[in-house]
Every structure is written in C-alpha cells, then in structure tokens.
N, C-alpha and C. Protein backbone atom coordinates (compact mmCIF):
# COMPACT_ATOMS: atom_id res chain seq x y z
N MET A 1 62.16 -46.02 17.08
CA MET A 1 60.95 -45.38 16.62
C MET A 1 61.20 -44.68 15.28
N HIS A 2 62.33 -43.95 15.17
CA HIS A 2 62.63 -43.25 13.92
C HIS A 2 62.75 -44.24 12.76
N THR A 3 63.36 -45.39 13.02
CA THR A 3 63.52 -46.39 11.97
C THR A 3 62.16 -46.84 11.45
N PHE A 4 61.20 -47.06 12.35
CA PHE A 4 59.87 -47.45 11.93
C PHE A 4 59.25 -46.37 11.04
N PHE A 5 59.35 -45.12 11.45
CA PHE A 5 58.79 -44.02 10.65
C PHE A 5 59.43 -43.99 9.26
N LEU A 6 60.74 -44.11 9.22
CA LEU A 6 61.44 -44.05 7.94
C LEU A 6 61.07 -45.23 7.05
N GLN A 7 60.88 -46.41 7.64
CA GLN A 7 60.47 -47.58 6.86
C GLN A 7 59.08 -47.39 6.27
N GLN A 8 58.27 -46.56 6.88
CA GLN A 8 56.92 -46.28 6.39
C GLN A 8 56.89 -45.06 5.47
N ASN A 9 58.08 -44.59 5.05
CA ASN A 9 58.23 -43.41 4.19
C ASN A 9 57.70 -42.13 4.84
N MET A 10 57.77 -42.07 6.15
CA MET A 10 57.37 -40.86 6.87
C MET A 10 58.58 -39.95 7.03
N VAL A 11 58.32 -38.67 7.14
CA VAL A 11 59.39 -37.71 7.37
C VAL A 11 59.43 -37.40 8.87
N VAL A 12 60.61 -37.54 9.47
CA VAL A 12 60.78 -37.26 10.88
C VAL A 12 61.42 -35.88 10.99
N ILE A 13 60.75 -34.95 11.67
CA ILE A 13 61.26 -33.59 11.82
C ILE A 13 61.38 -33.29 13.30
N ASN A 14 62.54 -32.79 13.69
CA ASN A 14 62.74 -32.41 15.09
C ASN A 14 62.99 -30.92 15.19
N ASP A 15 63.27 -30.46 16.42
CA ASP A 15 63.47 -29.02 16.61
C ASP A 15 64.93 -28.61 16.42
N GLY A 16 65.83 -29.56 16.23
CA GLY A 16 67.24 -29.24 15.97
C GLY A 16 68.08 -29.21 17.24
N SER A 17 69.33 -28.87 17.07
CA SER A 17 70.29 -28.85 18.17
C SER A 17 69.92 -27.78 19.18
N PRO A 18 70.28 -27.91 20.40
CA PRO A 18 71.06 -29.00 21.00
C PRO A 18 70.20 -30.14 21.53
N TYR A 19 68.86 -30.02 21.50
CA TYR A 19 68.02 -31.04 22.15
C TYR A 19 67.45 -32.08 21.21
N SER A 20 67.09 -31.70 20.01
CA SER A 20 66.50 -32.60 19.01
C SER A 20 65.25 -33.31 19.51
N HIS A 21 64.31 -32.53 20.04
CA HIS A 21 63.02 -33.07 20.44
C HIS A 21 62.20 -33.39 19.19
N VAL A 22 61.44 -34.46 19.24
CA VAL A 22 60.49 -34.74 18.18
C VAL A 22 59.13 -34.35 18.73
N GLY A 23 58.61 -33.25 18.22
CA GLY A 23 57.38 -32.68 18.76
C GLY A 23 57.70 -31.47 19.61
N ALA A 24 56.67 -30.77 20.01
CA ALA A 24 56.88 -29.57 20.82
C ALA A 24 55.67 -29.37 21.73
N ALA A 25 55.91 -28.78 22.87
CA ALA A 25 54.82 -28.53 23.82
C ALA A 25 55.12 -27.28 24.62
N ILE A 26 54.07 -26.58 25.00
CA ILE A 26 54.18 -25.43 25.89
C ILE A 26 53.58 -25.84 27.23
N VAL A 27 54.27 -25.52 28.30
CA VAL A 27 53.78 -25.86 29.63
C VAL A 27 53.31 -24.57 30.31
N GLU A 28 52.06 -24.56 30.72
CA GLU A 28 51.44 -23.43 31.40
C GLU A 28 51.52 -22.15 30.58
N ASN A 29 52.09 -21.09 31.12
CA ASN A 29 52.14 -19.77 30.48
C ASN A 29 53.21 -19.75 29.40
N ALA A 30 52.80 -19.65 28.14
CA ALA A 30 53.73 -19.70 27.00
C ALA A 30 54.79 -18.61 27.07
N GLU A 31 54.42 -17.43 27.53
CA GLU A 31 55.39 -16.32 27.58
C GLU A 31 56.55 -16.60 28.51
N LYS A 32 56.35 -17.46 29.51
CA LYS A 32 57.40 -17.76 30.48
C LYS A 32 58.13 -19.08 30.19
N ASP A 33 57.63 -19.84 29.22
CA ASP A 33 58.22 -21.14 28.90
C ASP A 33 59.22 -20.99 27.75
N GLU A 34 60.42 -20.52 28.09
CA GLU A 34 61.43 -20.26 27.06
C GLU A 34 61.82 -21.52 26.28
N LEU A 35 62.01 -22.62 26.98
CA LEU A 35 62.40 -23.86 26.31
C LEU A 35 61.28 -24.33 25.38
N GLY A 36 60.04 -24.24 25.83
CA GLY A 36 58.91 -24.63 24.99
C GLY A 36 58.84 -23.79 23.73
N LEU A 37 59.03 -22.49 23.87
CA LEU A 37 59.00 -21.59 22.71
C LEU A 37 60.17 -21.87 21.76
N GLN A 38 61.35 -22.12 22.31
CA GLN A 38 62.51 -22.44 21.46
C GLN A 38 62.26 -23.73 20.70
N THR A 39 61.66 -24.71 21.37
CA THR A 39 61.36 -25.99 20.73
C THR A 39 60.40 -25.80 19.56
N ILE A 40 59.35 -25.02 19.79
CA ILE A 40 58.37 -24.78 18.72
C ILE A 40 58.99 -23.99 17.58
N GLU A 41 59.78 -22.97 17.90
CA GLU A 41 60.43 -22.18 16.84
C GLU A 41 61.36 -23.04 16.00
N GLY A 42 62.13 -23.90 16.65
CA GLY A 42 63.03 -24.80 15.92
C GLY A 42 62.27 -25.77 15.04
N MET A 43 61.18 -26.29 15.57
CA MET A 43 60.36 -27.23 14.82
C MET A 43 59.75 -26.55 13.59
N VAL A 44 59.22 -25.35 13.77
CA VAL A 44 58.62 -24.61 12.65
C VAL A 44 59.68 -24.32 11.59
N ARG A 45 60.87 -23.92 12.00
CA ARG A 45 61.96 -23.67 11.04
C ARG A 45 62.24 -24.93 10.21
N ASN A 46 62.32 -26.06 10.89
CA ASN A 46 62.64 -27.30 10.18
C ASN A 46 61.50 -27.76 9.29
N ILE A 47 60.26 -27.51 9.69
CA ILE A 47 59.12 -27.84 8.83
C ILE A 47 59.16 -26.96 7.58
N GLU A 48 59.45 -25.67 7.76
CA GLU A 48 59.56 -24.75 6.61
C GLU A 48 60.64 -25.23 5.65
N LYS A 49 61.79 -25.64 6.18
CA LYS A 49 62.88 -26.13 5.33
C LYS A 49 62.43 -27.35 4.54
N GLU A 50 61.75 -28.28 5.21
CA GLU A 50 61.30 -29.50 4.53
C GLU A 50 60.28 -29.18 3.45
N LEU A 51 59.33 -28.29 3.74
CA LEU A 51 58.32 -27.94 2.76
C LEU A 51 58.94 -27.21 1.56
N SER A 52 59.89 -26.32 1.80
CA SER A 52 60.52 -25.61 0.67
C SER A 52 61.37 -26.58 -0.16
N ARG A 53 61.98 -27.55 0.48
CA ARG A 53 62.77 -28.55 -0.25
C ARG A 53 61.86 -29.39 -1.15
N ARG A 54 60.68 -29.70 -0.68
CA ARG A 54 59.75 -30.51 -1.47
C ARG A 54 59.13 -29.75 -2.62
N LYS A 55 59.11 -28.42 -2.56
CA LYS A 55 58.56 -27.60 -3.66
C LYS A 55 59.49 -27.60 -4.86
N GLU A 56 60.77 -27.82 -4.62
CA GLU A 56 61.77 -27.73 -5.71
C GLU A 56 61.67 -28.85 -6.69
C-alpha cells in the first residue's frame, strides 16, 4: 500500500515508533483511550514536522 502511495507522489505519515500506525482513531471515551491518544499525538507531531519541512 505504501508503495502505491509513494508512486502517486503522496506523502505517507504515521504515528511513529513503536507501532507506526497509519491513521489514528479514538475508541469510546477519549480520556480513557491512552493508546488512541498516543497515536493521535504522534501523528500530529509527524504532520507538523512534514509541514515545517515543506515551508523551508
């Protein structure tokens, strides 16, 4: 799947180590879903990095 995205000049962004999920989701109560929150935080960090890199 990643190869297809890259061949289409798309940027693939994940949430980072140790899981490297592509995408993020919260299940039920967000305050109690630690893994979901970590996934979203990691994804947002990586999106910020990509956007700042493209500004340069």
